[in-house]
Amino acid sequence: MTQTEGTNLCKRRCVVLIMKPINEAHVAEPGLAVVEVAAADDNTAFAIQELLASQWAIAPADDTTHEPGEPGVRLRCFLDLRQPPDV
């Protein structure tokens, strides 16, 4: 994925995508969302996911991803704002 000059803050020629592309089904209707969390560590990323799960129904992530040479970790979860959370 190549970005234009103004959007690539690191001035790299390309940006490597760590996660798989978002599937159209994940955002097919109003109220569905994909949330990607960038955090310093796993505990922080999962704490954010838990906070989201306390407010909305989510399909949680089991693992974070880490790109060698890049700081922190990433986590992707899927929200359904139309349903209450499973508490």
C-alpha atoms as a PDB file:
ATOM      1  CA  MET A   1       0.000   0.000   0.000  1.00  0.00           C
ATOM      2  CA  THR A   2       1.619   3.254  -1.065  1.00  0.00           C
ATOM      3  CA  GLN A   3       0.551   6.464   0.595  1.00  0.00           C
ATOM      4  CA  THR A   4       0.817  10.026  -0.642  1.00  0.00           C
ATOM      5  CA  GLU A   5       3.589  12.282   0.667  1.00  0.00           C
ATOM      6  CA  GLY A   6       1.483  14.099   3.272  1.00  0.00           C
ATOM      7  CA  THR A   7       0.070  10.992   4.945  1.00  0.00           C
ATOM      8  CA  ASN A   8       3.260   8.941   5.428  1.00  0.00           C
ATOM      9  CA  LEU A   9       4.689  10.472   8.591  1.00  0.00           C
ATOM     10  CA  CYS A  10       7.736   8.179   8.619  1.00  0.00           C
ATOM     11  CA  LYS A  11       8.562   9.169   5.011  1.00  0.00           C
ATOM     12  CA  ARG A  12       8.743   5.524   3.959  1.00  0.00           C
ATOM     13  CA  ARG A  13       8.074   4.613   0.348  1.00  0.00           C
ATOM     14  CA  CYS A  14       5.452   2.054   1.360  1.00  0.00           C
ATOM     15  CA  VAL A  15       3.597   0.887   4.429  1.00  0.00           C
ATOM     16  CA  VAL A  16       3.420  -2.827   5.167  1.00  0.00           C
ATOM     17  CA  LEU A  17       0.021  -4.003   6.365  1.00  0.00           C
ATOM     18  CA  ILE A  18       0.332  -6.248   9.409  1.00  0.00           C
ATOM     19  CA  MET A  19      -3.253  -7.440   9.570  1.00  0.00           C
ATOM     20  CA  LYS A  20      -5.478  -8.948   6.935  1.00  0.00           C
ATOM     21  CA  PRO A  21      -7.728  -6.513   5.053  1.00  0.00           C
ATOM     22  CA  ILE A  22     -11.103  -5.757   6.592  1.00  0.00           C
ATOM     23  CA  ASN A  23     -13.794  -8.032   5.169  1.00  0.00           C
ATOM     24  CA  GLU A  24     -16.796  -6.228   3.651  1.00  0.00           C
ATOM     25  CA  ALA A  25     -19.127  -8.331   5.835  1.00  0.00           C
ATOM     26  CA  HIS A  26     -17.605  -6.806   8.982  1.00  0.00           C
ATOM     27  CA  VAL A  27     -18.967  -3.369   8.075  1.00  0.00           C
ATOM     28  CA  ALA A  28     -21.910  -4.336   5.852  1.00  0.00           C
ATOM     29  CA  GLU A  29     -24.572  -2.596   7.959  1.00  0.00           C
ATOM     30  CA  PRO A  30     -24.838   0.490  10.158  1.00  0.00           C
ATOM     31  CA  GLY A  31     -23.861  -0.400  13.709  1.00  0.00           C
ATOM     32  CA  LEU A  32     -21.040  -2.778  12.727  1.00  0.00           C
ATOM     33  CA  ALA A  33     -17.454  -1.615  13.214  1.00  0.00           C
ATOM     34  CA  VAL A  34     -13.893  -2.846  13.133  1.00  0.00           C
ATOM     35  CA  VAL A  35     -11.624  -1.454  15.848  1.00  0.00           C
ATOM     36  CA  GLU A  36      -7.861  -1.681  15.615  1.00  0.00           C
ATOM     37  CA  VAL A  37      -5.965  -0.922  18.807  1.00  0.00           C
ATOM     38  CA  ALA A  38      -2.297   0.047  18.837  1.00  0.00           C
ATOM     39  CA  ALA A  39      -0.813  -0.241  22.314  1.00  0.00           C
ATOM     40  CA  ALA A  40       2.527  -0.471  24.091  1.00  0.00           C
ATOM     41  CA  ASP A  41       1.922  -4.034  25.279  1.00  0.00           C
ATOM     42  CA  ASP A  42      -0.515  -6.958  25.309  1.00  0.00           C
ATOM     43  CA  ASN A  43      -1.999  -6.065  28.694  1.00  0.00           C
ATOM     44  CA  THR A  44      -2.911  -2.564  27.528  1.00  0.00           C
ATOM     45  CA  ALA A  45      -4.410  -3.815  24.245  1.00  0.00           C
ATOM     46  CA  PHE A  46      -6.538  -6.422  26.020  1.00  0.00           C
ATOM     47  CA  ALA A  47      -7.634  -3.865  28.645  1.00  0.00           C
ATOM     48  CA  ILE A  48      -8.964  -1.663  25.830  1.00  0.00           C
ATOM     49  CA  GLN A  49     -10.752  -4.666  24.311  1.00  0.00           C
ATOM     50  CA  GLU A  50     -12.308  -5.470  27.697  1.00  0.00           C
ATOM     51  CA  LEU A  51     -13.483  -1.869  28.043  1.00  0.00           C
ATOM     52  CA  LEU A  52     -15.150  -2.077  24.613  1.00  0.00           C
ATOM     53  CA  ALA A  53     -16.739  -5.421  25.539  1.00  0.00           C
ATOM     54  CA  SER A  54     -18.300  -3.854  28.630  1.00  0.00           C
ATOM     55  CA  GLN A  55     -20.232  -1.439  26.390  1.00  0.00           C
ATOM     56  CA  TRP A  56     -20.977  -3.351  23.183  1.00  0.00           C
ATOM     57  CA  ALA A  57     -21.197  -6.860  21.776  1.00  0.00           C
ATOM     58  CA  ILE A  58     -17.817  -7.749  20.278  1.00  0.00           C
ATOM     59  CA  ALA A  59     -16.012 -10.571  18.564  1.00  0.00           C
ATOM     60  CA  PRO A  60     -12.825 -10.396  20.626  1.00  0.00           C
ATOM     61  CA  ALA A  61      -9.295 -11.068  19.469  1.00  0.00           C
ATOM     62  CA  ASP A  62      -7.342 -13.848  21.171  1.00  0.00           C
ATOM     63  CA  ASP A  63      -3.903 -12.575  20.218  1.00  0.00           C
ATOM     64  CA  THR A  64      -2.101  -9.368  19.434  1.00  0.00           C
ATOM     65  CA  THR A  65       0.301  -8.932  16.533  1.00  0.00           C
ATOM     66  CA  HIS A  66       3.759  -7.390  16.605  1.00  0.00           C
ATOM     67  CA  GLU A  67       5.744  -6.299  13.578  1.00  0.00           C
ATOM     68  CA  PRO A  68       9.499  -6.798  14.189  1.00  0.00           C
ATOM     69  CA  GLY A  69      11.264  -3.459  14.378  1.00  0.00           C
ATOM     70  CA  GLU A  70       8.032  -1.559  15.111  1.00  0.00           C
ATOM     71  CA  PRO A  71       7.013  -0.389  18.588  1.00  0.00           C
ATOM     72  CA  GLY A  72       4.103  -1.912  20.487  1.00  0.00           C
ATOM     73  CA  VAL A  73       1.417  -4.369  19.483  1.00  0.00           C
ATOM     74  CA  ARG A  74      -1.840  -4.283  17.526  1.00  0.00           C
ATOM     75  CA  LEU A  75      -5.187  -5.925  18.167  1.00  0.00           C
ATOM     76  CA  ARG A  76      -8.306  -6.015  16.000  1.00  0.00           C
ATOM     77  CA  CYS A  77     -11.808  -6.712  17.281  1.00  0.00           C
ATOM     78  CA  PHE A  78     -15.246  -6.428  15.720  1.00  0.00           C
ATOM     79  CA  LEU A  79     -18.076  -4.463  17.351  1.00  0.00           C
ATOM     80  CA  ASP A  80     -21.809  -4.763  16.933  1.00  0.00           C
ATOM     81  CA  LEU A  81     -23.331  -1.593  18.346  1.00  0.00           C
ATOM     82  CA  ARG A  82     -26.829  -2.967  17.695  1.00  0.00           C
ATOM     83  CA  GLN A  83     -26.562  -5.607  20.447  1.00  0.00           C
ATOM     84  CA  PRO A  84     -25.954  -5.222  24.176  1.00  0.00           C
ATOM     85  CA  PRO A  85     -22.760  -6.772  25.543  1.00  0.00           C
ATOM     86  CA  ASP A  86     -22.677 -10.319  26.901  1.00  0.00           C
ATOM     87  CA  VAL A  87     -22.130  -9.562  30.562  1.00  0.00           C
END
